Protein backbone atom coordinates (compact mmCIF):
# COMPACT_ATOMS: atom_id res chain seq x y z
CA MET A 1 -43.94 -17.88 -70.94
CA LYS A 2 -42.69 -15.58 -73.69
CA LYS A 3 -44.03 -12.20 -75.23
CA LEU A 4 -46.86 -11.17 -73.10
CA ILE A 5 -45.10 -7.60 -71.90
CA LEU A 6 -47.71 -5.49 -73.69
CA LEU A 7 -50.13 -7.28 -71.63
CA VAL A 8 -48.75 -5.44 -67.96
CA ALA A 9 -50.85 -2.75 -67.80
CA VAL A 10 -54.10 -4.36 -66.50
CA VAL A 11 -52.15 -4.56 -63.44
CA PHE A 12 -52.69 -0.83 -62.63
CA THR A 13 -56.50 -1.92 -62.17
CA PHE A 14 -55.74 -2.22 -58.72
CA SER A 15 -54.71 1.49 -58.42
CA ASN A 16 -51.78 0.44 -56.12
CA SER A 17 -48.09 0.92 -56.32
CA ILE A 18 -45.71 -2.47 -57.83
CA ALA A 19 -42.54 -3.55 -58.05
CA GLN A 20 -40.92 -6.62 -58.71
CA THR A 21 -42.69 -9.15 -61.33
CA ALA A 22 -43.25 -13.01 -60.84
CA TRP A 23 -44.71 -16.02 -62.71
CA THR A 24 -46.04 -18.64 -61.37
CA THR A 25 -46.89 -22.61 -62.49
CA MET A 26 -48.46 -25.14 -60.61
CA TYR A 27 -47.90 -28.78 -61.39
CA LYS A 28 -49.63 -31.76 -60.29
CA VAL A 29 -47.04 -34.85 -59.69
CA ALA A 30 -48.13 -38.95 -59.09
CA PRO A 31 -46.77 -39.83 -56.18
CA GLU A 32 -44.32 -42.37 -57.72
CA ASN A 33 -43.07 -39.57 -59.69
CA MET A 34 -42.65 -37.26 -56.95
CA GLN A 35 -39.01 -38.31 -55.64
CA ALA A 36 -37.91 -38.47 -59.59
CA ALA A 37 -39.29 -35.18 -60.13
CA LYS A 38 -37.81 -33.39 -57.39
CA ASP A 39 -34.25 -34.79 -58.36
CA ALA A 40 -34.71 -33.21 -61.85
CA ILE A 41 -35.90 -29.86 -60.55
CA GLY A 42 -32.79 -29.73 -58.30
CA LYS A 43 -30.40 -30.44 -61.57
CA LYS A 44 -31.66 -28.08 -63.73
CA THR A 45 -31.57 -25.59 -61.17
CA LYS A 46 -27.83 -26.33 -60.53
CA LYS A 47 -27.29 -25.97 -64.21
CA PHE A 48 -29.21 -23.01 -64.69
CA ASN A 49 -30.71 -21.31 -61.86
CA SER A 50 -27.71 -21.50 -59.05
CA LYS A 51 -26.48 -17.34 -59.56
CA VAL A 52 -28.11 -14.84 -57.72
CA ASP A 53 -27.80 -12.74 -60.94
CA GLY A 54 -29.02 -14.91 -63.22
CA GLU A 55 -32.77 -16.23 -64.25
CA LEU A 56 -34.42 -16.58 -60.41
CA ILE A 57 -36.67 -19.42 -59.71
CA TYR A 58 -37.95 -20.96 -56.77
CA THR A 59 -39.88 -24.22 -56.08
CA PHE A 60 -42.72 -24.95 -53.43
CA GLN A 61 -44.50 -28.11 -52.39
CA ILE A 62 -48.12 -27.31 -51.08
CA ILE A 63 -48.49 -29.59 -48.12
CA ALA A 64 -52.25 -28.28 -46.62
CA GLY A 65 -54.96 -27.21 -48.93
CA GLU A 66 -57.49 -28.79 -51.97
CA ARG A 67 -54.10 -28.73 -54.06
CA ALA A 68 -51.56 -30.42 -51.38
CA ASN A 69 -48.54 -31.92 -53.11
CA TYR A 70 -48.49 -30.02 -56.08
CA ILE A 71 -45.45 -28.48 -57.05
CA VAL A 72 -45.11 -24.54 -57.24
CA ARG A 73 -42.81 -23.01 -59.75
CA GLU A 74 -42.45 -19.07 -59.49
CA GLY A 75 -39.86 -16.88 -61.51
CA LEU A 76 -38.87 -13.57 -60.31
CA GLY A 77 -37.74 -10.23 -62.11
CA ASP A 78 -37.27 -6.84 -61.94
CA SER A 79 -39.56 -6.52 -64.88
CA TYR A 80 -41.79 -8.23 -67.22
CA ALA A 81 -38.86 -7.55 -69.88
CA GLU A 82 -36.29 -9.31 -67.51
CA LEU A 83 -38.42 -12.25 -67.23
CA ASP A 84 -39.14 -12.17 -70.86
CA SER A 85 -35.22 -11.95 -71.74
CA TYR A 86 -33.55 -15.33 -70.84
CA GLY A 87 -33.00 -17.65 -73.29
CA ASN A 88 -34.24 -21.21 -74.04
CA GLN A 89 -31.71 -23.46 -72.78
CA GLY A 90 -32.99 -23.92 -69.36
CA LEU A 91 -36.73 -24.09 -70.78
CA ASP A 92 -35.86 -26.94 -73.45
CA TYR A 93 -33.89 -28.75 -70.68
CA TRP A 94 -37.12 -28.47 -68.38
CA MET A 95 -39.23 -29.86 -71.01
CA GLU A 96 -37.03 -32.64 -72.04
CA ASN A 97 -35.96 -33.81 -68.76
CA VAL A 98 -38.84 -32.45 -65.81
CA ALA A 99 -41.87 -31.69 -67.85
CA PRO A 100 -42.24 -35.37 -68.59
CA LEU A 101 -42.28 -36.40 -64.80
CA MET A 102 -45.36 -34.12 -64.10
CA THR A 103 -48.82 -32.28 -65.58
CA ASN A 104 -49.02 -28.11 -65.98
CA VAL A 105 -52.53 -26.99 -64.03
CA GLY A 106 -53.48 -24.01 -65.36
CA GLY A 107 -51.25 -22.53 -67.23
CA THR A 108 -48.62 -19.66 -66.39
CA GLU A 109 -50.14 -16.48 -64.29
CA TYR A 110 -48.33 -13.53 -63.62
CA MET A 111 -47.84 -10.80 -60.87
CA SER A 112 -46.59 -7.81 -59.41
CA TYR A 113 -45.26 -7.57 -55.77
CA VAL A 114 -46.90 -4.61 -54.08
CA PRO A 115 -44.65 -3.30 -51.36
CA THR A 116 -47.28 -0.77 -49.84
CA ALA A 117 -49.14 -3.76 -48.68
CA SER A 118 -46.19 -5.74 -47.72
CA PHE A 119 -43.53 -6.11 -45.05
CA ASP A 120 -40.78 -8.20 -43.95
CA ASP A 121 -38.01 -8.18 -41.45
CA ARG A 122 -37.34 -11.63 -41.32
CA PRO A 123 -34.37 -13.59 -42.61
CA SER A 124 -35.05 -16.28 -45.68
CA ASP A 125 -34.37 -19.26 -43.61
CA ALA A 126 -37.29 -17.84 -41.37
CA LYS A 127 -39.57 -17.82 -43.95
CA LYS A 128 -39.65 -21.76 -45.32
CA ILE A 129 -43.50 -22.54 -44.42
CA TRP A 130 -45.74 -19.85 -45.84
CA LYS A 131 -49.34 -19.29 -45.22
CA VAL A 132 -51.07 -18.27 -48.73
CA LEU A 133 -54.20 -16.64 -49.02
CA HIS A 134 -55.89 -16.11 -52.34
CA TYR A 135 -58.24 -13.25 -52.63
CA ASN A 136 -60.45 -12.83 -55.55
CA VAL A 137 -61.46 -8.96 -55.43
CA LYS A 138 -64.48 -7.68 -57.02
CA ARG A 139 -63.70 -5.09 -60.17
CA ASN A 140 -65.01 -1.95 -58.23
CA GLY A 141 -63.54 -3.33 -54.96
CA GLY A 142 -59.98 -2.59 -55.39
CA PRO A 143 -60.28 0.71 -53.33
CA ASP A 144 -61.51 -0.90 -50.34
CA PHE A 145 -59.64 -4.00 -50.66
CA TRP A 146 -56.72 -2.22 -50.78
CA LYS A 147 -57.05 0.43 -48.16
CA TYR A 148 -56.84 -2.77 -45.74
CA ARG A 149 -54.42 -4.48 -47.37
CA ASN A 150 -51.88 -1.21 -47.01
CA ARG A 151 -53.04 -0.54 -43.24
CA VAL A 152 -52.54 -4.11 -42.22
CA ALA A 153 -48.51 -3.89 -43.78
CA LYS A 154 -48.39 -0.88 -41.57
CA ALA A 155 -49.43 -2.59 -38.17
CA ALA A 156 -47.73 -5.47 -39.13
CA GLU A 157 -44.15 -2.90 -39.10
CA LYS A 158 -45.13 -1.80 -35.81
CA VAL A 159 -45.35 -5.12 -34.30
CA GLY A 160 -42.50 -6.84 -36.41
CA GLY A 161 -40.85 -9.92 -36.68
CA LEU A 162 -43.47 -10.61 -39.43
CA SER A 163 -43.21 -11.36 -43.42
CA LEU A 164 -46.25 -10.31 -45.23
CA HIS A 165 -45.91 -10.49 -49.08
CA VAL A 166 -48.74 -9.18 -51.13
CA TRP A 167 -49.02 -10.16 -55.09
CA ALA A 168 -51.57 -8.62 -57.74
CA TRP A 169 -52.49 -10.25 -60.68
CA SER A 170 -51.66 -9.05 -64.03
CA ILE A 171 -51.50 -11.76 -67.04
CA GLY A 172 -52.97 -15.34 -66.66
CA GLY A 173 -54.47 -17.51 -64.37
CA SER A 174 -58.10 -17.81 -64.00
CA SER A 175 -59.24 -14.80 -62.26
CA SER A 176 -58.01 -11.23 -63.20
CA GLY A 177 -59.31 -10.12 -59.92
CA HIS A 178 -56.74 -12.44 -57.83
CA VAL A 179 -54.76 -11.18 -54.97
CA LYS A 180 -51.95 -13.17 -53.39
CA VAL A 181 -51.19 -12.72 -49.46
CA GLY A 182 -48.16 -15.01 -48.07
CA TYR A 183 -47.11 -15.06 -44.33
CA GLY A 184 -43.66 -16.41 -43.89
CA SER A 185 -42.72 -18.50 -40.76
CA PRO A 186 -39.90 -20.68 -39.94
CA ASP A 187 -41.41 -24.02 -39.21
CA MET A 188 -45.60 -24.72 -38.89
CA SER A 189 -44.97 -23.47 -35.01
CA GLY A 190 -45.77 -19.92 -36.63
CA ILE A 191 -48.74 -21.14 -38.64
CA ASP A 192 -49.83 -22.50 -35.49
CA ASN A 193 -48.86 -19.26 -33.40
CA GLU A 194 -50.84 -17.36 -35.66
CA THR A 195 -53.69 -17.01 -32.78
CA GLU A 196 -51.19 -15.10 -30.75
CA THR A 197 -49.62 -12.72 -33.71
CA TRP A 198 -52.81 -11.80 -35.55
CA PRO A 199 -54.29 -9.77 -32.20
CA LYS A 200 -51.11 -8.00 -31.95
CA VAL A 201 -51.19 -6.61 -35.80
CA ILE A 202 -55.10 -5.76 -34.74
CA GLU A 203 -54.05 -4.06 -31.80
CA ALA A 204 -51.74 -1.97 -33.77
CA TYR A 205 -53.98 -1.07 -36.63
CA GLY A 206 -56.07 0.41 -33.86
CA GLU A 207 -53.22 2.73 -32.66
CA LEU A 208 -52.74 4.04 -35.95
CA PHE A 209 -55.97 3.97 -37.31
CA GLY A 210 -58.21 4.30 -34.67
CA GLU A 211 -59.90 2.26 -32.15
CA ASP A 212 -62.97 1.51 -34.41
CA ALA A 213 -60.58 1.25 -37.55
CA HIS A 214 -60.03 -2.66 -38.10
CA GLU A 215 -63.48 -3.41 -37.71
CA ILE A 216 -64.94 -1.07 -40.14
CA ASP A 217 -61.75 -1.46 -42.80
CA GLN A 218 -62.31 -4.99 -42.72
CA LYS A 219 -66.18 -5.32 -43.03
CA ALA A 220 -65.52 -3.36 -45.95
CA PHE A 221 -62.62 -5.69 -47.21
CA ASN A 222 -64.88 -8.73 -47.01
CA ALA A 223 -67.45 -6.81 -49.63
CA SER A 224 -64.88 -6.06 -51.91
CA LEU A 225 -64.28 -9.77 -52.52
CA GLU A 226 -66.13 -12.11 -55.10
CA MET A 227 -68.38 -15.07 -53.30
CA TRP A 228 -66.14 -17.30 -55.13
CA GLY A 229 -61.87 -17.69 -55.50
CA ASN A 230 -60.98 -17.17 -51.85
CA PHE A 231 -59.22 -19.66 -50.10
CA SER A 232 -55.99 -20.61 -48.34
CA GLU A 233 -52.79 -22.98 -48.70
CA ILE A 234 -49.97 -24.07 -46.77
CA TRP A 235 -46.65 -24.09 -48.54
CA ARG A 236 -43.22 -25.10 -47.97
CA TRP A 237 -40.31 -23.77 -49.40
CA LEU A 238 -37.76 -26.25 -51.29
CA PRO A 239 -34.42 -24.32 -51.00
CA GLU A 240 -32.72 -27.08 -52.40
CA LEU A 241 -34.57 -26.63 -55.84
CA SER A 242 -34.42 -23.09 -55.62
CA SER A 243 -32.31 -19.91 -56.47
CA PRO A 244 -30.73 -18.22 -53.88
CA ALA A 245 -33.10 -16.09 -51.92
CA VAL A 246 -32.75 -12.43 -52.53
CA GLU A 247 -34.99 -9.56 -50.61
CA LEU A 248 -38.00 -8.06 -52.19
CA ASP A 249 -38.40 -4.56 -52.88
């Protein structure tokens, strides 16, 4: 996760404004090691990542999808320079005490938060369950993709009571077109009630941009995606294995 700052410029491929940055790693854990792994992550977090003004790392568990039961770790910073600035003590502790209990799958991916495509007016304790949509955007699909996502964020703001976080690829991972869209809910009922919430967003979209705008923009959005690499998952945030929650800018 070190010395990758010089590659950050590729994120501007999508021509959209960005703010905070994060790295993500996925871990496959054998069922018999899961509790020990969680205990070890908790100890590491308490020792090295428990202060809001320190290195911030968050832990999730995938509870639905092809990668169900994987552990996800995400480090958050205001810049790639900040992510690159922390010492090796926490990493050394991780390699000695936590890494033997799990397998890193896919290396480390760096992404940047996209504020223009995001909206969130919910408190942190109301975002423990996340529906995470992974999109693989065509090389020339950025304008249509971001037009739709930015407008969805404005419609979500009009509706209110929503958590919508969008992250764009910058370094690592399996695809340079990867965009991650997360919808946060307090519990699974928020995921189950999506059929009630989404029509409100579509209605607001039409009020803001025209009666037929959503249908037209969504068609162009769908055409901006590759045929492969698009899928969804449900993630559960594990606050006891995470740094203190902070607001994204």
